[in-house]
C-alpha atoms as a PDB file:
ATOM      1  CA  MET A   1       9.543 -18.052  26.587  1.00  0.00           C
ATOM      2  CA  MET A   2      10.459 -16.415  29.862  1.00  0.00           C
ATOM      3  CA  ALA A   3      10.492 -12.744  30.756  1.00  0.00           C
ATOM      4  CA  PHE A   4      14.277 -12.717  31.319  1.00  0.00           C
ATOM      5  CA  GLU A   5      14.820 -12.921  27.559  1.00  0.00           C
ATOM      6  CA  GLN A   6      13.673  -9.320  27.198  1.00  0.00           C
ATOM      7  CA  ILE A   7      16.254  -8.176  29.757  1.00  0.00           C
ATOM      8  CA  PRO A   8      19.726  -7.597  28.299  1.00  0.00           C
ATOM      9  CA  LYS A   9      21.633 -10.869  28.692  1.00  0.00           C
ATOM     10  CA  LYS A  10      23.182 -11.099  32.116  1.00  0.00           C
ATOM     11  CA  ASP A  11      25.031 -13.937  33.755  1.00  0.00           C
ATOM     12  CA  TRP A  12      22.838 -14.468  36.795  1.00  0.00           C
ATOM     13  CA  TYR A  13      25.318 -16.969  38.231  1.00  0.00           C
ATOM     14  CA  SER A  14      28.190 -14.467  38.240  1.00  0.00           C
ATOM     15  CA  ILE A  15      25.923 -11.857  39.853  1.00  0.00           C
ATOM     16  CA  LEU A  16      25.475 -14.278  42.765  1.00  0.00           C
ATOM     17  CA  GLY A  17      29.164 -15.231  42.592  1.00  0.00           C
ATOM     18  CA  ALA A  18      28.183 -18.844  41.954  1.00  0.00           C
ATOM     19  CA  ASP A  19      29.146 -21.636  39.608  1.00  0.00           C
ATOM     20  CA  PRO A  20      26.412 -22.889  37.208  1.00  0.00           C
ATOM     21  CA  SER A  21      26.782 -26.335  38.802  1.00  0.00           C
ATOM     22  CA  ALA A  22      25.939 -24.953  42.268  1.00  0.00           C
ATOM     23  CA  SER A  23      22.961 -26.452  44.065  1.00  0.00           C
ATOM     24  CA  VAL A  24      19.887 -24.347  44.835  1.00  0.00           C
ATOM     25  CA  SER A  25      20.838 -24.339  48.531  1.00  0.00           C
ATOM     26  CA  ASP A  26      24.322 -22.974  47.656  1.00  0.00           C
ATOM     27  CA  LEU A  27      22.714 -20.333  45.453  1.00  0.00           C
ATOM     28  CA  LYS A  28      20.369 -19.405  48.299  1.00  0.00           C
ATOM     29  CA  GLN A  29      23.286 -18.977  50.729  1.00  0.00           C
ATOM     30  CA  LYS A  30      25.124 -16.698  48.294  1.00  0.00           C
ATOM     31  CA  TYR A  31      21.937 -14.739  47.624  1.00  0.00           C
ATOM     32  CA  GLN A  32      21.217 -14.217  51.336  1.00  0.00           C
ATOM     33  CA  LYS A  33      24.788 -13.110  52.033  1.00  0.00           C
ATOM     34  CA  LEU A  34      24.765 -10.595  49.145  1.00  0.00           C
ATOM     35  CA  VAL A  35      21.283  -9.273  49.945  1.00  0.00           C
ATOM     36  CA  LEU A  36      22.389  -8.470  53.486  1.00  0.00           C
ATOM     37  CA  MET A  37      25.526  -6.769  52.194  1.00  0.00           C
ATOM     38  CA  TYR A  38      23.771  -4.607  49.551  1.00  0.00           C
ATOM     39  CA  HIS A  39      20.372  -4.019  51.167  1.00  0.00           C
ATOM     40  CA  PRO A  40      19.546  -0.264  51.094  1.00  0.00           C
ATOM     41  CA  ASP A  41      18.776  -0.285  54.833  1.00  0.00           C
ATOM     42  CA  LYS A  42      22.278  -1.632  55.572  1.00  0.00           C
ATOM     43  CA  GLN A  43      24.086   1.276  53.903  1.00  0.00           C
ATOM     44  CA  SER A  44      25.592   3.838  56.256  1.00  0.00           C
ATOM     45  CA  ALA A  45      24.461   7.462  56.068  1.00  0.00           C
ATOM     46  CA  ASP A  46      27.954   8.846  55.432  1.00  0.00           C
ATOM     47  CA  VAL A  47      28.433   6.940  52.154  1.00  0.00           C
ATOM     48  CA  PRO A  48      28.370   9.144  49.009  1.00  0.00           C
ATOM     49  CA  ALA A  49      25.042   9.201  47.138  1.00  0.00           C
ATOM     50  CA  GLY A  50      26.565   7.593  44.026  1.00  0.00           C
ATOM     51  CA  THR A  51      27.766   4.635  46.070  1.00  0.00           C
ATOM     52  CA  VAL A  52      24.321   4.198  47.621  1.00  0.00           C
ATOM     53  CA  GLU A  53      22.809   4.225  44.119  1.00  0.00           C
ATOM     54  CA  GLU A  54      25.328   1.552  42.981  1.00  0.00           C
ATOM     55  CA  CYS A  55      24.423  -0.595  45.998  1.00  0.00           C
ATOM     56  CA  ILE A  56      20.711  -0.288  45.215  1.00  0.00           C
ATOM     57  CA  GLN A  57      21.334  -1.321  41.582  1.00  0.00           C
ATOM     58  CA  LYS A  58      23.446  -4.257  42.766  1.00  0.00           C
ATOM     59  CA  PHE A  59      20.699  -5.222  45.234  1.00  0.00           C
ATOM     60  CA  ILE A  60      18.090  -5.191  42.436  1.00  0.00           C
ATOM     61  CA  GLU A  61      20.343  -7.358  40.211  1.00  0.00           C
ATOM     62  CA  ILE A  62      20.915  -9.846  43.048  1.00  0.00           C
ATOM     63  CA  ASP A  63      17.162 -10.042  43.610  1.00  0.00           C
ATOM     64  CA  GLN A  64      16.518 -10.639  39.876  1.00  0.00           C
ATOM     65  CA  ALA A  65      19.183 -13.360  39.797  1.00  0.00           C
ATOM     66  CA  TRP A  66      17.549 -15.129  42.725  1.00  0.00           C
ATOM     67  CA  LYS A  67      14.068 -14.883  41.156  1.00  0.00           C
ATOM     68  CA  ILE A  68      15.401 -16.793  38.140  1.00  0.00           C
ATOM     69  CA  LEU A  69      17.859 -19.193  39.781  1.00  0.00           C
ATOM     70  CA  GLY A  70      15.858 -19.843  42.945  1.00  0.00           C
ATOM     71  CA  ASN A  71      12.954 -21.378  41.021  1.00  0.00           C
ATOM     72  CA  GLU A  72      13.573 -24.830  39.501  1.00  0.00           C
ATOM     73  CA  GLU A  73      11.525 -24.118  36.365  1.00  0.00           C
ATOM     74  CA  THR A  74      12.985 -20.693  35.519  1.00  0.00           C
ATOM     75  CA  LYS A  75      16.488 -21.955  36.398  1.00  0.00           C
ATOM     76  CA  LYS A  76      16.061 -24.866  33.969  1.00  0.00           C
ATOM     77  CA  GLU A  77      14.900 -22.512  31.197  1.00  0.00           C
ATOM     78  CA  TYR A  78      17.766 -20.123  31.906  1.00  0.00           C
ATOM     79  CA  ASP A  79      20.294 -22.985  31.874  1.00  0.00           C
ATOM     80  CA  LEU A  80      18.918 -24.247  28.534  1.00  0.00           C
ATOM     81  CA  GLN A  81      19.156 -20.738  27.091  1.00  0.00           C
ATOM     82  CA  ARG A  82      22.765 -20.427  28.318  1.00  0.00           C
ATOM     83  CA  HIS A  83      23.582 -23.788  26.763  1.00  0.00           C
ATOM     84  CA  GLU A  84      22.073 -22.728  23.429  1.00  0.00           C
ATOM     85  CA  ASP A  85      23.960 -19.422  23.542  1.00  0.00           C
ATOM     86  CA  ASP A  86      27.184 -21.365  24.194  1.00  0.00           C
ATOM     87  CA  LEU A  87      26.440 -23.630  21.221  1.00  0.00           C
ATOM     88  CA  ARG A  88      25.735 -20.639  18.964  1.00  0.00           C
ATOM     89  CA  ASN A  89      29.105 -19.192  19.943  1.00  0.00           C
ATOM     90  CA  MET A  90      30.885 -22.513  19.221  1.00  0.00           C
ATOM     91  CA  GLY A  91      30.214 -22.474  15.540  1.00  0.00           C
ATOM     92  CA  PRO A  92      27.714 -22.290  12.732  1.00  0.00           C
ATOM     93  CA  VAL A  93      24.666 -24.495  12.491  1.00  0.00           C
ATOM     94  CA  ASP A  94      25.502 -27.366  10.116  1.00  0.00           C
ATOM     95  CA  ALA A  95      21.937 -28.352   9.212  1.00  0.00           C
ATOM     96  CA  GLN A  96      18.281 -27.877  10.048  1.00  0.00           C
ATOM     97  CA  VAL A  97      16.523 -31.110  10.967  1.00  0.00           C
ATOM     98  CA  TYR A  98      12.898 -31.804  11.795  1.00  0.00           C
ATOM     99  CA  LEU A  99      12.399 -33.766  14.992  1.00  0.00           C
ATOM    100  CA  GLU A 100      10.245 -36.197  13.037  1.00  0.00           C
ATOM    101  CA  GLU A 101      13.284 -37.052  10.852  1.00  0.00           C
ATOM    102  CA  MET A 102      15.276 -38.245  13.874  1.00  0.00           C
ATOM    103  CA  CYS A 103      15.250 -41.862  15.093  1.00  0.00           C
ATOM    104  CA  TRP A 104      13.264 -42.648  18.248  1.00  0.00           C
ATOM    105  CA  ASN A 105      15.063 -44.780  20.846  1.00  0.00           C
ATOM    106  CA  GLU A 106      12.555 -46.500  23.149  1.00  0.00           C
ATOM    107  CA  ASP A 107      15.252 -47.645  25.633  1.00  0.00           C
ATOM    108  CA  ASP A 108      16.210 -44.177  26.861  1.00  0.00           C
ATOM    109  CA  HIS A 109      13.251 -42.196  25.424  1.00  0.00           C
ATOM    110  CA  SER A 110      15.379 -40.024  23.183  1.00  0.00           C
ATOM    111  CA  PHE A 111      15.688 -38.964  19.569  1.00  0.00           C
ATOM    112  CA  SER A 112      18.979 -39.388  17.735  1.00  0.00           C
ATOM    113  CA  LEU A 113      20.542 -38.696  14.361  1.00  0.00           C
ATOM    114  CA  SER A 114      23.910 -39.843  12.984  1.00  0.00           C
ATOM    115  CA  CYS A 115      26.457 -37.129  12.294  1.00  0.00           C
ATOM    116  CA  ARG A 116      28.682 -37.218   9.239  1.00  0.00           C
ATOM    117  CA  CYS A 117      31.699 -37.673  11.564  1.00  0.00           C
ATOM    118  CA  GLY A 118      30.288 -40.952  12.867  1.00  0.00           C
ATOM    119  CA  GLY A 119      29.094 -39.477  16.147  1.00  0.00           C
ATOM    120  CA  LYS A 120      25.485 -38.675  16.919  1.00  0.00           C
ATOM    121  CA  TYR A 121      23.126 -35.916  17.877  1.00  0.00           C
ATOM    122  CA  SER A 122      20.748 -36.934  20.641  1.00  0.00           C
ATOM    123  CA  VAL A 123      18.024 -35.219  22.627  1.00  0.00           C
ATOM    124  CA  SER A 124      15.582 -36.529  25.224  1.00  0.00           C
ATOM    125  CA  LYS A 125      11.858 -36.340  24.550  1.00  0.00           C
ATOM    126  CA  ASP A 126      11.460 -33.585  27.203  1.00  0.00           C
ATOM    127  CA  GLU A 127      14.417 -31.561  25.920  1.00  0.00           C
ATOM    128  CA  ALA A 128      13.139 -31.801  22.344  1.00  0.00           C
ATOM    129  CA  GLU A 129      10.266 -29.501  23.332  1.00  0.00           C
ATOM    130  CA  GLU A 130      12.621 -26.844  24.737  1.00  0.00           C
ATOM    131  CA  VAL A 131      15.926 -26.856  22.834  1.00  0.00           C
ATOM    132  CA  THR A 132      16.563 -25.719  19.288  1.00  0.00           C
ATOM    133  CA  LEU A 133      20.290 -26.494  18.989  1.00  0.00           C
ATOM    134  CA  ILE A 134      21.926 -29.887  19.491  1.00  0.00           C
ATOM    135  CA  SER A 135      25.659 -30.557  19.336  1.00  0.00           C
ATOM    136  CA  CYS A 136      27.257 -33.759  18.076  1.00  0.00           C
ATOM    137  CA  ASP A 137      28.693 -35.928  20.840  1.00  0.00           C
ATOM    138  CA  THR A 138      32.073 -36.312  19.092  1.00  0.00           C
ATOM    139  CA  CYS A 139      32.684 -33.268  16.872  1.00  0.00           C
ATOM    140  CA  SER A 140      31.857 -29.555  16.896  1.00  0.00           C
ATOM    141  CA  LEU A 141      28.950 -29.713  14.413  1.00  0.00           C
ATOM    142  CA  ILE A 142      25.588 -28.370  15.527  1.00  0.00           C
ATOM    143  CA  ILE A 143      22.099 -28.963  14.117  1.00  0.00           C
ATOM    144  CA  GLU A 144      19.038 -26.803  14.550  1.00  0.00           C
ATOM    145  CA  LEU A 145      15.965 -28.739  15.612  1.00  0.00           C
ATOM    146  CA  LEU A 146      12.733 -27.798  13.852  1.00  0.00           C
ATOM    147  CA  HIS A 147       9.142 -28.858  14.522  1.00  0.00           C
ATOM    148  CA  TYR A 148       6.387 -29.241  11.941  1.00  0.00           C
ATOM    149  CA  GLY A 149       3.777 -26.492  11.990  1.00  0.00           C
END
């Protein structure tokens, strides 16, 4: 997994003042605006030392947010992690299911499993490698996806 998992969980989108659905170019604009505002060289000399220190910390956070959200791969991993965290907060895991127990759908290259409510759990082949929690498409039940050995 990525290095940002060792860092205490931060909402990198809120640090940039952006919505998670924002495009990379929107994120870049917000990043550039904030970096100019909080850059240590842009702080006036008559500002109290504590305020300068806060600005430097904010600048470092903004830079970290951009390093994660400005790269397609790390942004995708971060978004998946956020989604899993959201699912964990929604409710308990109903069952643990091995990927191999799910049905393969050749049409859309995804795995699926019927839920007891009549809905279904589905995950694309690519996502199956990265996600561990899948929510039902009609109810609030969640399954944990396991892989053999």
